[in-house]
Amino acid sequence: MRDGKFEFIVHSWDGTTAQLSVTNISDRPYSLAMSSQYLFDEQGRKFEPEFDWTSDLAFADLNPGQTVSGALSYILSGAVGDHLELHDSMFSGGVDVKLN
């Protein structure tokens, strides 16, 4: 799935954590904003990922063609994840990835 300058591949979802890869498909360097990668539950509520300083996604500055892989974890407090909304920036429209 693509949004703007990034291509996202979600490899797995365990109910709280998504394993994914992000590739810069543009011709310039871009930074990934972890806080702009949202999860929506079955009731339409929006969740931001927990920030993990040790994740390769945390401060990913990607050169053209470069890929980074890592995890996005969400505290859902009993909610059930429905889909991810992944963004190349906080201003982009995003792309939806169904989790079920």
PDB file of N, CA and C in Angstrom:
ATOM      1  N   MET A   1       0.835  -1.170   0.000  1.00  0.00           N
ATOM      2  CA  MET A   1       0.000   0.000   0.000  1.00  0.00           C
ATOM      3  C   MET A   1       0.888   1.245   0.000  1.00  0.00           C
ATOM      4  N   ARG A   2       0.488   2.238  -0.764  1.00  0.00           N
ATOM      5  CA  ARG A   2       1.297   3.450  -0.880  1.00  0.00           C
ATOM      6  C   ARG A   2       0.526   4.679  -0.416  1.00  0.00           C
ATOM      7  N   ASP A   3       1.261   5.564   0.244  1.00  0.00           N
ATOM      8  CA  ASP A   3       0.758   6.891   0.568  1.00  0.00           C
ATOM      9  C   ASP A   3       1.891   7.861   0.321  1.00  0.00           C
ATOM     10  N   GLY A   4       1.716   8.731  -0.666  1.00  0.00           N
ATOM     11  CA  GLY A   4       2.729   9.732  -0.961  1.00  0.00           C
ATOM     12  C   GLY A   4       4.081   9.136  -1.282  1.00  0.00           C
ATOM     13  N   LYS A   5       5.050   9.416  -0.443  1.00  0.00           N
ATOM     14  CA  LYS A   5       6.432   9.030  -0.691  1.00  0.00           C
ATOM     15  C   LYS A   5       6.832   7.685  -0.092  1.00  0.00           C
ATOM     16  N   PHE A   6       5.894   7.015   0.582  1.00  0.00           N
ATOM     17  CA  PHE A   6       6.204   5.742   1.237  1.00  0.00           C
ATOM     18  C   PHE A   6       5.326   4.602   0.741  1.00  0.00           C
ATOM     19  N   GLU A   7       5.930   3.423   0.710  1.00  0.00           N
ATOM     20  CA  GLU A   7       5.195   2.186   0.486  1.00  0.00           C
ATOM     21  C   GLU A   7       5.236   1.401   1.791  1.00  0.00           C
ATOM     22  N   PHE A   8       4.074   0.954   2.248  1.00  0.00           N
ATOM     23  CA  PHE A   8       3.941   0.234   3.508  1.00  0.00           C
ATOM     24  C   PHE A   8       3.559  -1.215   3.237  1.00  0.00           C
ATOM     25  N   ILE A   9       4.214  -2.138   3.934  1.00  0.00           N
ATOM     26  CA  ILE A   9       3.839  -3.547   3.894  1.00  0.00           C
ATOM     27  C   ILE A   9       3.648  -4.000   5.339  1.00  0.00           C
ATOM     28  N   VAL A  10       2.436  -4.424   5.666  1.00  0.00           N
ATOM     29  CA  VAL A  10       2.156  -4.951   7.004  1.00  0.00           C
ATOM     30  C   VAL A  10       2.339  -6.460   6.930  1.00  0.00           C
ATOM     31  N   HIS A  11       3.314  -6.968   7.681  1.00  0.00           N
ATOM     32  CA  HIS A  11       3.653  -8.388   7.652  1.00  0.00           C
ATOM     33  C   HIS A  11       2.799  -9.208   8.611  1.00  0.00           C
ATOM     34  N   SER A  12       2.455  -8.622   9.757  1.00  0.00           N
ATOM     35  CA  SER A  12       1.653  -9.373  10.721  1.00  0.00           C
ATOM     36  C   SER A  12       0.967  -8.421  11.699  1.00  0.00           C
ATOM     37  N   TRP A  13      -0.066  -8.957  12.347  1.00  0.00           N
ATOM     38  CA  TRP A  13      -0.830  -8.240  13.370  1.00  0.00           C
ATOM     39  C   TRP A  13      -1.205  -9.267  14.431  1.00  0.00           C
ATOM     40  N   ASP A  14      -0.830  -9.011  15.692  1.00  0.00           N
ATOM     41  CA  ASP A  14      -1.115  -9.977  16.758  1.00  0.00           C
ATOM     42  C   ASP A  14      -2.204  -9.518  17.723  1.00  0.00           C
ATOM     43  N   GLY A  15      -2.915  -8.466  17.362  1.00  0.00           N
ATOM     44  CA  GLY A  15      -3.970  -7.941  18.220  1.00  0.00           C
ATOM     45  C   GLY A  15      -3.590  -6.659  18.927  1.00  0.00           C
ATOM     46  N   THR A  16      -2.280  -6.402  19.079  1.00  0.00           N
ATOM     47  CA  THR A  16      -1.803  -5.142  19.664  1.00  0.00           C
ATOM     48  C   THR A  16      -0.598  -4.570  18.925  1.00  0.00           C
ATOM     49  N   THR A  17       0.088  -5.397  18.148  1.00  0.00           N
ATOM     50  CA  THR A  17       1.324  -4.970  17.491  1.00  0.00           C
ATOM     51  C   THR A  17       1.321  -5.352  16.016  1.00  0.00           C
ATOM     52  N   ALA A  18       1.666  -4.378  15.172  1.00  0.00           N
ATOM     53  CA  ALA A  18       1.813  -4.613  13.736  1.00  0.00           C
ATOM     54  C   ALA A  18       3.298  -4.617  13.394  1.00  0.00           C
ATOM     55  N   GLN A  19       3.733  -5.633  12.684  1.00  0.00           N
ATOM     56  CA  GLN A  19       5.086  -5.685  12.136  1.00  0.00           C
ATOM     57  C   GLN A  19       4.986  -5.190  10.700  1.00  0.00           C
ATOM     58  N   LEU A  20       5.801  -4.193  10.350  1.00  0.00           N
ATOM     59  CA  LEU A  20       5.708  -3.643   9.008  1.00  0.00           C
ATOM     60  C   LEU A  20       7.044  -3.189   8.472  1.00  0.00           C
ATOM     61  N   SER A  21       7.065  -2.983   7.164  1.00  0.00           N
ATOM     62  CA  SER A  21       8.206  -2.409   6.467  1.00  0.00           C
ATOM     63  C   SER A  21       7.742  -1.155   5.758  1.00  0.00           C
ATOM     64  N   VAL A  22       8.622  -0.159   5.707  1.00  0.00           N
ATOM     65  CA  VAL A  22       8.325   1.106   5.036  1.00  0.00           C
ATOM     66  C   VAL A  22       9.471   1.403   4.081  1.00  0.00           C
ATOM     67  N   THR A  23       9.130   1.686   2.823  1.00  0.00           N
ATOM     68  CA  THR A  23      10.136   1.993   1.802  1.00  0.00           C
ATOM     69  C   THR A  23       9.896   3.385   1.255  1.00  0.00           C
ATOM     70  N   ASN A  24      10.970   4.161   1.123  1.00  0.00           N
ATOM     71  CA  ASN A  24      10.902   5.484   0.498  1.00  0.00           C
ATOM     72  C   ASN A  24      10.897   5.265  -1.014  1.00  0.00           C
ATOM     73  N   ILE A  25       9.774   5.572  -1.674  1.00  0.00           N
ATOM     74  CA  ILE A  25       9.646   5.362  -3.111  1.00  0.00           C
ATOM     75  C   ILE A  25       9.849   6.658  -3.903  1.00  0.00           C
ATOM     76  N   SER A  26      10.330   7.698  -3.231  1.00  0.00           N
ATOM     77  CA  SER A  26      10.535   8.986  -3.899  1.00  0.00           C
ATOM     78  C   SER A  26      11.993   9.130  -4.342  1.00  0.00           C
ATOM     79  N   ASP A  27      12.310  10.313  -4.841  1.00  0.00           N
ATOM     80  CA  ASP A  27      13.684  10.586  -5.284  1.00  0.00           C
ATOM     81  C   ASP A  27      14.428  11.499  -4.309  1.00  0.00           C
ATOM     82  N   ARG A  28      13.887  11.642  -3.076  1.00  0.00           N
ATOM     83  CA  ARG A  28      14.517  12.485  -2.047  1.00  0.00           C
ATOM     84  C   ARG A  28      14.420  11.812  -0.686  1.00  0.00           C
ATOM     85  N   PRO A  29      15.269  12.199   0.247  1.00  0.00           N
ATOM     86  CA  PRO A  29      15.173  11.660   1.610  1.00  0.00           C
ATOM     87  C   PRO A  29      13.911  12.160   2.312  1.00  0.00           C
ATOM     88  N   TYR A  30      13.287  11.288   3.096  1.00  0.00           N
ATOM     89  CA  TYR A  30      12.123  11.660   3.898  1.00  0.00           C
ATOM     90  C   TYR A  30      12.169  10.957   5.242  1.00  0.00           C
ATOM     91  N   SER A  31      11.553  11.583   6.228  1.00  0.00           N
ATOM     92  CA  SER A  31      11.487  11.029   7.579  1.00  0.00           C
ATOM     93  C   SER A  31      10.110  10.434   7.832  1.00  0.00           C
ATOM     94  N   LEU A  32      10.080   9.326   8.548  1.00  0.00           N
ATOM     95  CA  LEU A  32       8.832   8.673   8.936  1.00  0.00           C
ATOM     96  C   LEU A  32       8.393   9.207  10.290  1.00  0.00           C
ATOM     97  N   ALA A  33       7.131   9.578  10.419  1.00  0.00           N
ATOM     98  CA  ALA A  33       6.577  10.039  11.696  1.00  0.00           C
ATOM     99  C   ALA A  33       5.760   8.902  12.307  1.00  0.00           C
ATOM    100  N   MET A  34       6.301   8.254  13.337  1.00  0.00           N
ATOM    101  CA  MET A  34       5.587   7.155  13.991  1.00  0.00           C
ATOM    102  C   MET A  34       4.225   7.592  14.506  1.00  0.00           C
ATOM    103  N   SER A  35       4.139   8.804  15.023  1.00  0.00           N
ATOM    104  CA  SER A  35       2.890   9.270  15.624  1.00  0.00           C
ATOM    105  C   SER A  35       1.779   9.483  14.597  1.00  0.00           C
ATOM    106  N   SER A  36       2.101   9.425  13.306  1.00  0.00           N
ATOM    107  CA  SER A  36       1.097   9.580  12.252  1.00  0.00           C
ATOM    108  C   SER A  36       0.607   8.243  11.701  1.00  0.00           C
ATOM    109  N   GLN A  37       0.911   7.151  12.401  1.00  0.00           N
ATOM    110  CA  GLN A  37       0.495   5.813  11.972  1.00  0.00           C
ATOM    111  C   GLN A  37      -0.601   5.347  12.934  1.00  0.00           C
ATOM    112  N   TYR A  38      -1.841   5.509  12.516  1.00  0.00           N
ATOM    113  CA  TYR A  38      -2.982   5.318  13.412  1.00  0.00           C
ATOM    114  C   TYR A  38      -3.605   3.931  13.278  1.00  0.00           C
ATOM    115  N   LEU A  39      -4.242   3.520  14.358  1.00  0.00           N
ATOM    116  CA  LEU A  39      -5.063   2.323  14.364  1.00  0.00           C
ATOM    117  C   LEU A  39      -6.486   2.751  14.698  1.00  0.00           C
ATOM    118  N   PHE A  40      -7.450   2.187  13.993  1.00  0.00           N
ATOM    119  CA  PHE A  40      -8.857   2.416  14.285  1.00  0.00           C
ATOM    120  C   PHE A  40      -9.470   1.107  14.749  1.00  0.00           C
ATOM    121  N   ASP A  41     -10.296   1.192  15.791  1.00  0.00           N
ATOM    122  CA  ASP A  41     -10.939  -0.022  16.295  1.00  0.00           C
ATOM    123  C   ASP A  41     -12.273  -0.221  15.579  1.00  0.00           C
ATOM    124  N   GLU A  42     -12.979  -1.280  15.956  1.00  0.00           N
ATOM    125  CA  GLU A  42     -14.247  -1.624  15.313  1.00  0.00           C
ATOM    126  C   GLU A  42     -15.331  -0.568  15.528  1.00  0.00           C
ATOM    127  N   GLN A  43     -15.152   0.299  16.527  1.00  0.00           N
ATOM    128  CA  GLN A  43     -16.113   1.369  16.798  1.00  0.00           C
ATOM    129  C   GLN A  43     -15.704   2.690  16.155  1.00  0.00           C
ATOM    130  N   GLY A  44     -14.596   2.686  15.393  1.00  0.00           N
ATOM    131  CA  GLY A  44     -14.138   3.889  14.721  1.00  0.00           C
ATOM    132  C   GLY A  44     -13.274   4.795  15.562  1.00  0.00           C
ATOM    133  N   ARG A  45     -12.892   4.324  16.760  1.00  0.00           N
ATOM    134  CA  ARG A  45     -12.018   5.144  17.621  1.00  0.00           C
ATOM    135  C   ARG A  45     -10.585   5.070  17.111  1.00  0.00           C
ATOM    136  N   LYS A  46      -9.876   6.179  17.240  1.00  0.00           N
ATOM    137  CA  LYS A  46      -8.522   6.338  16.708  1.00  0.00           C
ATOM    138  C   LYS A  46      -7.486   6.196  17.829  1.00  0.00           C
ATOM    139  N   PHE A  47      -6.416   5.409  17.562  1.00  0.00           N
ATOM    140  CA  PHE A  47      -5.335   5.182  18.525  1.00  0.00           C
ATOM    141  C   PHE A  47      -3.999   5.527  17.882  1.00  0.00           C
ATOM    142  N   GLU A  48      -3.116   6.158  18.658  1.00  0.00           N
ATOM    143  CA  GLU A  48      -1.742   6.399  18.222  1.00  0.00           C
ATOM    144  C   GLU A  48      -0.855   5.296  18.782  1.00  0.00           C
ATOM    145  N   PRO A  49       0.241   4.969  18.080  1.00  0.00           N
ATOM    146  CA  PRO A  49       1.134   3.937  18.600  1.00  0.00           C
ATOM    147  C   PRO A  49       1.897   4.425  19.824  1.00  0.00           C
ATOM    148  N   GLU A  50       2.266   3.476  20.674  1.00  0.00           N
ATOM    149  CA  GLU A  50       3.161   3.767  21.781  1.00  0.00           C
ATOM    150  C   GLU A  50       4.534   4.058  21.198  1.00  0.00           C
ATOM    151  N   PHE A  51       5.178   5.116  21.657  1.00  0.00           N
ATOM    152  CA  PHE A  51       6.496   5.446  21.104  1.00  0.00           C
ATOM    153  C   PHE A  51       7.545   4.541  21.715  1.00  0.00           C
ATOM    154  N   ASP A  52       8.295   3.856  20.872  1.00  0.00           N
ATOM    155  CA  ASP A  52       9.357   2.941  21.299  1.00  0.00           C
ATOM    156  C   ASP A  52      10.688   3.482  20.802  1.00  0.00           C
ATOM    157  N   TRP A  53      11.464   4.034  21.703  1.00  0.00           N
ATOM    158  CA  TRP A  53      12.761   4.636  21.354  1.00  0.00           C
ATOM    159  C   TRP A  53      13.710   3.634  20.710  1.00  0.00           C
ATOM    160  N   THR A  54      13.521   2.348  20.979  1.00  0.00           N
ATOM    161  CA  THR A  54      14.445   1.330  20.465  1.00  0.00           C
ATOM    162  C   THR A  54      14.043   0.822  19.079  1.00  0.00           C
ATOM    163  N   SER A  55      12.866   1.183  18.611  1.00  0.00           N
ATOM    164  CA  SER A  55      12.393   0.714  17.308  1.00  0.00           C
ATOM    165  C   SER A  55      13.145   1.401  16.173  1.00  0.00           C
ATOM    166  N   ASP A  56      13.421   0.646  15.122  1.00  0.00           N
ATOM    167  CA  ASP A  56      14.045   1.232  13.938  1.00  0.00           C
ATOM    168  C   ASP A  56      13.124   2.232  13.249  1.00  0.00           C
ATOM    169  N   LEU A  57      11.824   2.160  13.544  1.00  0.00           N
ATOM    170  CA  LEU A  57      10.867   3.112  12.971  1.00  0.00           C
ATOM    171  C   LEU A  57      10.878   4.459  13.686  1.00  0.00           C
ATOM    172  N   ALA A  58      11.440   4.499  14.899  1.00  0.00           N
ATOM    173  CA  ALA A  58      11.339   5.687  15.760  1.00  0.00           C
ATOM    174  C   ALA A  58      11.892   6.955  15.119  1.00  0.00           C
ATOM    175  N   PHE A  59      13.052   6.908  14.578  1.00  0.00           N
ATOM    176  CA  PHE A  59      13.669   8.094  13.990  1.00  0.00           C
ATOM    177  C   PHE A  59      14.154   7.780  12.584  1.00  0.00           C
ATOM    178  N   ALA A  60      13.302   7.113  11.807  1.00  0.00           N
ATOM    179  CA  ALA A  60      13.692   6.644  10.483  1.00  0.00           C
ATOM    180  C   ALA A  60      13.773   7.797   9.488  1.00  0.00           C
ATOM    181  N   ASP A  61      14.986   8.069   9.027  1.00  0.00           N
ATOM    182  CA  ASP A  61      15.236   8.990   7.928  1.00  0.00           C
ATOM    183  C   ASP A  61      15.632   8.114   6.749  1.00  0.00           C
ATOM    184  N   LEU A  62      14.763   8.052   5.753  1.00  0.00           N
ATOM    185  CA  LEU A  62      14.954   7.113   4.654  1.00  0.00           C
ATOM    186  C   LEU A  62      15.402   7.824   3.382  1.00  0.00           C
ATOM    187  N   ASN A  63      16.510   7.364   2.835  1.00  0.00           N
ATOM    188  CA  ASN A  63      16.968   7.834   1.537  1.00  0.00           C
ATOM    189  C   ASN A  63      16.146   7.149   0.455  1.00  0.00           C
ATOM    190  N   PRO A  64      16.171   7.662  -0.783  1.00  0.00           N
ATOM    191  CA  PRO A  64      15.408   7.028  -1.855  1.00  0.00           C
ATOM    192  C   PRO A  64      15.733   5.535  -1.967  1.00  0.00           C
ATOM    193  N   GLY A  65      14.680   4.708  -2.025  1.00  0.00           N
ATOM    194  CA  GLY A  65      14.844   3.267  -2.151  1.00  0.00           C
ATOM    195  C   GLY A  65      15.132   2.534  -0.859  1.00  0.00           C
ATOM    196  N   GLN A  66      15.397   3.244   0.217  1.00  0.00           N
ATOM    197  CA  GLN A  66      15.733   2.615   1.495  1.00  0.00           C
ATOM    198  C   GLN A  66      14.477   2.116   2.192  1.00  0.00           C
ATOM    199  N   THR A  67      14.610   0.961   2.876  1.00  0.00           N
ATOM    200  CA  THR A  67      13.515   0.338   3.614  1.00  0.00           C
ATOM    201  C   THR A  67      13.903   0.179   5.065  1.00  0.00           C
ATOM    202  N   VAL A  68      12.932   0.370   5.956  1.00  0.00           N
ATOM    203  CA  VAL A  68      13.115   0.123   7.382  1.00  0.00           C
ATOM    204  C   VAL A  68      11.964  -0.766   7.841  1.00  0.00           C
ATOM    205  N   SER A  69      12.265  -1.664   8.758  1.00  0.00           N
ATOM    206  CA  SER A  69      11.245  -2.565   9.305  1.00  0.00           C
ATOM    207  C   SER A  69      11.195  -2.408  10.815  1.00  0.00           C
ATOM    208  N   GLY A  70      10.010  -2.629  11.373  1.00  0.00           N
ATOM    209  CA  GLY A  70       9.864  -2.526  12.813  1.00  0.00           C
ATOM    210  C   GLY A  70       8.433  -2.788  13.232  1.00  0.00           C
ATOM    211  N   ALA A  71       8.148  -2.463  14.468  1.00  0.00           N
ATOM    212  CA  ALA A  71       6.833  -2.737  15.050  1.00  0.00           C
ATOM    213  C   ALA A  71       6.159  -1.445  15.487  1.00  0.00           C
ATOM    214  N   LEU A  72       4.838  -1.437  15.351  1.00  0.00           N
ATOM    215  CA  LEU A  72       3.985  -0.389  15.917  1.00  0.00           C
ATOM    216  C   LEU A  72       3.083  -1.075  16.921  1.00  0.00           C
ATOM    217  N   SER A  73       3.163  -0.652  18.184  1.00  0.00           N
ATOM    218  CA  SER A  73       2.347  -1.255  19.236  1.00  0.00           C
ATOM    219  C   SER A  73       1.318  -0.250  19.736  1.00  0.00           C
ATOM    220  N   TYR A  74       0.124  -0.771  20.031  1.00  0.00           N
ATOM    221  CA  TYR A  74      -0.990   0.063  20.459  1.00  0.00           C
ATOM    222  C   TYR A  74      -1.567  -0.493  21.750  1.00  0.00           C
ATOM    223  N   ILE A  75      -1.922   0.400  22.676  1.00  0.00           N
ATOM    224  CA  ILE A  75      -2.625  -0.001  23.896  1.00  0.00           C
ATOM    225  C   ILE A  75      -4.113   0.210  23.622  1.00  0.00           C
ATOM    226  N   LEU A  76      -4.845  -0.892  23.520  1.00  0.00           N
ATOM    227  CA  LEU A  76      -6.235  -0.833  23.083  1.00  0.00           C
ATOM    228  C   LEU A  76      -7.244  -0.964  24.218  1.00  0.00           C
ATOM    229  N   SER A  77      -6.811  -1.303  25.409  1.00  0.00           N
ATOM    230  CA  SER A  77      -7.701  -1.382  26.576  1.00  0.00           C
ATOM    231  C   SER A  77      -8.992  -2.145  26.280  1.00  0.00           C
ATOM    232  N   GLY A  78      -8.856  -3.319  25.682  1.00  0.00           N
ATOM    233  CA  GLY A  78     -10.001  -4.153  25.389  1.00  0.00           C
ATOM    234  C   GLY A  78     -10.623  -3.922  24.022  1.00  0.00           C
ATOM    235  N   ALA A  79     -10.249  -2.858  23.341  1.00  0.00           N
ATOM    236  CA  ALA A  79     -10.771  -2.596  21.999  1.00  0.00           C
ATOM    237  C   ALA A  79     -10.176  -3.607  21.016  1.00  0.00           C
ATOM    238  N   VAL A  80     -10.857  -3.792  19.896  1.00  0.00           N
ATOM    239  CA  VAL A  80     -10.392  -4.710  18.859  1.00  0.00           C
ATOM    240  C   VAL A  80     -10.019  -3.891  17.630  1.00  0.00           C
ATOM    241  N   GLY A  81      -8.763  -4.036  17.192  1.00  0.00           N
ATOM    242  CA  GLY A  81      -8.293  -3.288  16.034  1.00  0.00           C
ATOM    243  C   GLY A  81      -8.992  -3.711  14.756  1.00  0.00           C
ATOM    244  N   ASP A  82      -9.369  -2.736  13.940  1.00  0.00           N
ATOM    245  CA  ASP A  82     -10.036  -2.995  12.667  1.00  0.00           C
ATOM    246  C   ASP A  82      -9.107  -2.732  11.486  1.00  0.00           C
ATOM    247  N   HIS A  83      -8.466  -1.549  11.489  1.00  0.00           N
ATOM    248  CA  HIS A  83      -7.556  -1.227  10.395  1.00  0.00           C
ATOM    249  C   HIS A  83      -6.519  -0.197  10.833  1.00  0.00           C
ATOM    250  N   LEU A  84      -5.401  -0.194  10.118  1.00  0.00           N
ATOM    251  CA  LEU A  84      -4.369   0.818  10.281  1.00  0.00           C
ATOM    252  C   LEU A  84      -4.588   1.884   9.224  1.00  0.00           C
ATOM    253  N   GLU A  85      -4.272   3.125   9.579  1.00  0.00           N
ATOM    254  CA  GLU A  85      -4.260   4.224   8.625  1.00  0.00           C
ATOM    255  C   GLU A  85      -2.825   4.745   8.630  1.00  0.00           C
ATOM    256  N   LEU A  86      -2.082   4.437   7.564  1.00  0.00           N
ATOM    257  CA  LEU A  86      -0.652   4.723   7.500  1.00  0.00           C
ATOM    258  C   LEU A  86      -0.406   5.940   6.620  1.00  0.00           C
ATOM    259  N   HIS A  87       0.508   6.816   7.071  1.00  0.00           N
ATOM    260  CA  HIS A  87       0.730   8.111   6.421  1.00  0.00           C
ATOM    261  C   HIS A  87       2.202   8.351   6.122  1.00  0.00           C
ATOM    262  N   ASP A  88       2.461   9.056   5.009  1.00  0.00           N
ATOM    263  CA  ASP A  88       3.839   9.482   4.750  1.00  0.00           C
ATOM    264  C   ASP A  88       4.172  10.756   5.525  1.00  0.00           C
ATOM    265  N   SER A  89       3.134  11.470   5.968  1.00  0.00           N
ATOM    266  CA  SER A  89       3.334  12.642   6.825  1.00  0.00           C
ATOM    267  C   SER A  89       2.009  12.935   7.536  1.00  0.00           C
ATOM    268  N   MET A  90       2.028  13.845   8.470  1.00  0.00           N
ATOM    269  CA  MET A  90       0.799  14.190   9.186  1.00  0.00           C
ATOM    270  C   MET A  90      -0.206  14.903   8.285  1.00  0.00           C
ATOM    271  N   PHE A  91       0.234  15.325   7.117  1.00  0.00           N
ATOM    272  CA  PHE A  91      -0.634  16.079   6.207  1.00  0.00           C
ATOM    273  C   PHE A  91      -1.206  15.233   5.075  1.00  0.00           C
ATOM    274  N   SER A  92      -0.771  14.000   4.945  1.00  0.00           N
ATOM    275  CA  SER A  92      -1.215  13.167   3.825  1.00  0.00           C
ATOM    276  C   SER A  92      -2.571  12.529   4.114  1.00  0.00           C
ATOM    277  N   GLY A  93      -3.208  12.032   3.066  1.00  0.00           N
ATOM    278  CA  GLY A  93      -4.506  11.393   3.208  1.00  0.00           C
ATOM    279  C   GLY A  93      -4.453  10.025   3.871  1.00  0.00           C
ATOM    280  N   GLY A  94      -3.323   9.355   3.763  1.00  0.00           N
ATOM    281  CA  GLY A  94      -3.159   8.058   4.374  1.00  0.00           C
ATOM    282  C   GLY A  94      -3.711   6.929   3.524  1.00  0.00           C
ATOM    283  N   VAL A  95      -3.342   5.711   3.879  1.00  0.00           N
ATOM    284  CA  VAL A  95      -3.825   4.513   3.221  1.00  0.00           C
ATOM    285  C   VAL A  95      -4.304   3.555   4.308  1.00  0.00           C
ATOM    286  N   ASP A  96      -5.472   2.939   4.089  1.00  0.00           N
ATOM    287  CA  ASP A  96      -6.048   2.014   5.060  1.00  0.00           C
ATOM    288  C   ASP A  96      -5.581   0.592   4.790  1.00  0.00           C
ATOM    289  N   VAL A  97      -5.211  -0.103   5.871  1.00  0.00           N
ATOM    290  CA  VAL A  97      -4.817  -1.504   5.792  1.00  0.00           C
ATOM    291  C   VAL A  97      -5.695  -2.275   6.760  1.00  0.00           C
ATOM    292  N   LYS A  98      -6.573  -3.127   6.233  1.00  0.00           N
ATOM    293  CA  LYS A  98      -7.491  -3.946   7.054  1.00  0.00           C
ATOM    294  C   LYS A  98      -6.689  -4.960   7.861  1.00  0.00           C
ATOM    295  N   LEU A  99      -7.043  -5.147   9.115  1.00  0.00           N
ATOM    296  CA  LEU A  99      -6.303  -6.045  10.004  1.00  0.00           C
ATOM    297  C   LEU A  99      -6.931  -7.431  10.141  1.00  0.00           C
ATOM    298  N   ASN A 100      -8.176  -7.601   9.795  1.00  0.00           N
ATOM    299  CA  ASN A 100      -8.839  -8.900   9.975  1.00  0.00           C
ATOM    300  C   ASN A 100      -8.818  -9.737   8.731  1.00  0.00           C
TER     301      ASN A 100
END
